[in-house]
Amino acid sequence: MADSTAAAVEPHRRHDTHEAILFGGVYGAVLASSMVAALSQYGHSSAAGRRYDAIWLLVTALASALAHGYAHYIAERAPHRRWDVLRALVDEWPLVTAVLPTVFLLAGAGWGWWPPNGVQYRVFVLNIAILFALGVVTARWSARSWPRAVLIGLIDAVLGVVVVVANALIK
């Protein structure tokens, strides 16, 4: 009779790809908008300031991804294999990917491709569009009709606006 506590180590629980994309996309879009709103509030509107903002946003997204991946690793409280912690961190790629369009807009403003002053409004519109798109895509994944999916996307975008505005007011 084998000891049940000596059972083979369970493999790392891979989070559902749809779930990871939705979570990371929403978190990344809200994080990007909130950070740009906070940084813009303190006068970061020069080209050099926007380059700094782009780097800061990327560092913050990477730190958030590390924190979330590590939290998932710890929260599962199961026996882990050697590389499970790395897999848990890699699973957070959608969060970092979701901030890259904002990093690009900020860096482009910093490099003179477009005016650095007012780029925060383009960032805001872009991230609200990302939230809308994620809402539509996930609704379609759930077999919702197109009209319902668009409505869900609009609601998600409005909720995103509320969260970003609340974050900006708090900071």
Protein backbone atom coordinates (compact mmCIF):
# COMPACT_ATOMS: atom_id res chain seq x y z
CA MET A 1 0.00 0.00 0.00
CA ALA A 2 1.58 3.24 -1.13
CA ASP A 3 1.69 6.26 1.10
CA SER A 4 -0.70 8.90 -0.28
CA THR A 5 1.58 11.74 0.86
CA ALA A 6 4.37 10.32 -1.24
CA ALA A 7 2.32 10.62 -4.40
CA ALA A 8 3.98 12.13 -7.42
CA VAL A 9 4.18 15.89 -7.48
CA GLU A 10 1.20 17.31 -9.30
CA PRO A 11 2.04 19.28 -12.41
CA HIS A 12 1.77 23.06 -12.28
CA ARG A 13 -1.83 24.17 -12.84
CA ARG A 14 -1.80 26.05 -16.13
CA HIS A 15 -4.27 28.87 -16.01
CA ASP A 16 -6.81 28.88 -18.81
CA THR A 17 -5.43 30.87 -21.75
CA HIS A 18 -8.64 32.85 -22.14
CA GLU A 19 -8.64 33.66 -18.43
CA ALA A 20 -4.98 34.74 -18.53
CA ILE A 21 -5.49 36.95 -21.58
CA LEU A 22 -8.57 38.58 -20.11
CA PHE A 23 -7.03 39.14 -16.68
CA GLY A 24 -3.71 40.36 -18.04
CA GLY A 25 -5.30 42.51 -20.72
CA VAL A 26 -7.71 44.21 -18.38
CA TYR A 27 -5.14 44.67 -15.64
CA GLY A 28 -2.52 45.93 -18.09
CA ALA A 29 -4.86 48.42 -19.79
CA VAL A 30 -6.08 49.82 -16.47
CA LEU A 31 -2.55 49.91 -15.06
CA ALA A 32 -1.25 51.76 -18.14
CA SER A 33 -4.03 54.35 -18.11
CA SER A 34 -3.81 54.90 -14.38
CA MET A 35 -0.04 55.32 -14.41
CA VAL A 36 -0.09 57.73 -17.34
CA ALA A 37 -2.86 59.75 -15.67
CA ALA A 38 -0.87 59.93 -12.43
CA LEU A 39 2.41 60.79 -14.17
CA SER A 40 0.74 63.40 -16.39
CA GLN A 41 -0.88 64.99 -13.35
CA TYR A 42 2.59 65.91 -12.10
CA GLY A 43 3.68 67.66 -15.29
CA HIS A 44 5.49 64.94 -17.24
CA SER A 45 4.76 66.39 -20.67
CA SER A 46 8.23 66.95 -22.15
CA ALA A 47 9.82 64.51 -24.59
CA ALA A 48 12.32 63.41 -21.93
CA GLY A 49 9.48 63.02 -19.43
CA ARG A 50 7.54 60.80 -21.81
CA ARG A 51 10.58 58.56 -22.39
CA TYR A 52 10.92 58.28 -18.62
CA ASP A 53 7.18 57.49 -18.35
CA ALA A 54 7.54 54.71 -20.94
CA ILE A 55 10.40 53.09 -19.02
CA TRP A 56 8.59 53.48 -15.70
CA LEU A 57 5.44 51.90 -17.09
CA LEU A 58 7.35 48.94 -18.50
CA VAL A 59 9.22 48.40 -15.21
CA THR A 60 5.93 48.63 -13.28
CA ALA A 61 4.24 46.12 -15.60
CA LEU A 62 7.15 43.68 -15.22
CA ALA A 63 7.08 44.09 -11.43
CA SER A 64 3.30 43.54 -11.40
CA ALA A 65 3.66 40.43 -13.56
CA LEU A 66 6.34 39.08 -11.22
CA ALA A 67 4.16 39.77 -8.19
CA HIS A 68 1.11 38.12 -9.75
CA GLY A 69 3.04 35.10 -10.97
CA TYR A 70 4.68 34.64 -7.59
CA ALA A 71 1.32 35.04 -5.83
CA HIS A 72 -0.21 32.33 -8.05
CA TYR A 73 2.75 30.07 -7.31
CA ILE A 74 2.42 30.54 -3.55
CA ALA A 75 -1.41 30.49 -3.48
CA GLU A 76 -1.67 27.05 -5.05
CA ARG A 77 0.07 25.56 -2.00
CA ALA A 78 0.72 22.30 -3.78
CA PRO A 79 4.02 20.48 -4.05
CA HIS A 80 5.93 22.16 -6.85
CA ARG A 81 8.39 20.95 -9.40
CA ARG A 82 11.66 22.75 -9.98
CA TRP A 83 10.54 25.04 -12.82
CA ASP A 84 6.94 25.71 -11.74
CA VAL A 85 7.81 29.14 -10.39
CA LEU A 86 9.17 30.14 -13.80
CA ARG A 87 6.04 28.81 -15.51
CA ALA A 88 3.90 30.83 -13.09
CA LEU A 89 5.84 33.97 -14.01
CA VAL A 90 5.66 33.29 -17.75
CA ASP A 91 1.88 32.85 -17.45
CA GLU A 92 1.69 36.59 -16.73
CA TRP A 93 2.77 37.59 -20.28
CA PRO A 94 -0.66 39.09 -21.18
CA LEU A 95 -0.28 41.76 -18.49
CA VAL A 96 3.04 42.95 -19.90
CA THR A 97 1.79 42.65 -23.48
CA ALA A 98 -1.25 44.81 -22.68
CA VAL A 99 0.92 47.76 -21.61
CA LEU A 100 3.18 47.65 -24.68
CA PRO A 101 0.90 49.82 -26.89
CA THR A 102 0.99 52.52 -24.20
CA VAL A 103 4.76 52.15 -23.84
CA PHE A 104 4.99 52.60 -27.62
CA LEU A 105 2.84 55.76 -27.55
CA LEU A 106 4.87 57.25 -24.71
CA ALA A 107 8.21 56.31 -26.24
CA GLY A 108 7.09 57.67 -29.63
CA ALA A 109 6.20 60.96 -27.98
CA GLY A 110 9.58 60.92 -26.28
CA TRP A 111 11.37 60.35 -29.58
CA GLY A 112 9.48 63.15 -31.29
CA TRP A 113 7.22 61.05 -33.51
CA TRP A 114 4.21 62.98 -32.16
CA PRO A 115 3.76 65.77 -29.61
CA PRO A 116 4.50 64.67 -26.04
CA ASN A 117 1.93 67.05 -24.59
CA GLY A 118 -1.54 65.50 -24.68
CA VAL A 119 -0.40 61.93 -25.41
CA GLN A 120 -2.18 60.87 -22.23
CA TYR A 121 -5.53 61.39 -24.01
CA ARG A 122 -4.48 59.08 -26.85
CA VAL A 123 -3.31 56.55 -24.26
CA PHE A 124 -6.66 56.75 -22.49
CA VAL A 125 -8.64 56.21 -25.73
CA LEU A 126 -6.35 53.34 -26.76
CA ASN A 127 -6.73 51.52 -23.45
CA ILE A 128 -10.49 51.99 -23.37
CA ALA A 129 -10.56 50.52 -26.90
CA ILE A 130 -8.51 47.57 -25.61
CA LEU A 131 -11.02 47.03 -22.78
CA PHE A 132 -13.89 47.21 -25.29
CA ALA A 133 -12.15 44.70 -27.59
CA LEU A 134 -11.43 42.32 -24.70
CA GLY A 135 -15.08 42.52 -23.65
CA VAL A 136 -16.29 41.72 -27.17
CA VAL A 137 -13.78 38.90 -27.67
CA THR A 138 -14.53 37.21 -24.35
CA ALA A 139 -18.28 37.55 -24.92
CA ARG A 140 -17.87 35.88 -28.31
CA TRP A 141 -15.76 33.12 -26.66
CA SER A 142 -18.78 32.58 -24.42
CA ALA A 143 -21.01 32.14 -27.50
CA ARG A 144 -22.84 35.45 -27.05
CA SER A 145 -24.44 37.02 -30.12
CA TRP A 146 -22.68 39.95 -31.80
CA PRO A 147 -25.12 42.57 -30.49
CA ARG A 148 -24.81 41.22 -26.95
CA ALA A 149 -21.01 40.98 -27.30
CA VAL A 150 -20.82 44.63 -28.39
CA LEU A 151 -23.02 45.63 -25.45
CA ILE A 152 -20.77 43.69 -23.06
CA GLY A 153 -17.73 45.36 -24.64
CA LEU A 154 -19.29 48.79 -24.10
CA ILE A 155 -20.10 47.98 -20.48
CA ASP A 156 -16.52 46.75 -19.94
CA ALA A 157 -15.17 49.95 -21.50
CA VAL A 158 -17.37 52.12 -19.26
CA LEU A 159 -16.30 50.14 -16.18
CA GLY A 160 -12.70 50.68 -17.28
CA VAL A 161 -13.29 54.43 -17.48
CA VAL A 162 -14.76 54.38 -13.97
CA VAL A 163 -11.79 52.43 -12.57
CA VAL A 164 -9.21 54.64 -14.30
CA VAL A 165 -10.92 57.86 -13.20
CA ALA A 166 -11.22 56.53 -9.63
CA ASN A 167 -7.52 55.62 -9.66
CA ALA A 168 -6.56 59.04 -10.98
CA LEU A 169 -8.66 60.80 -8.33
CA ILE A 170 -7.21 58.66 -5.53
CA LYS A 171 -3.63 59.36 -6.58
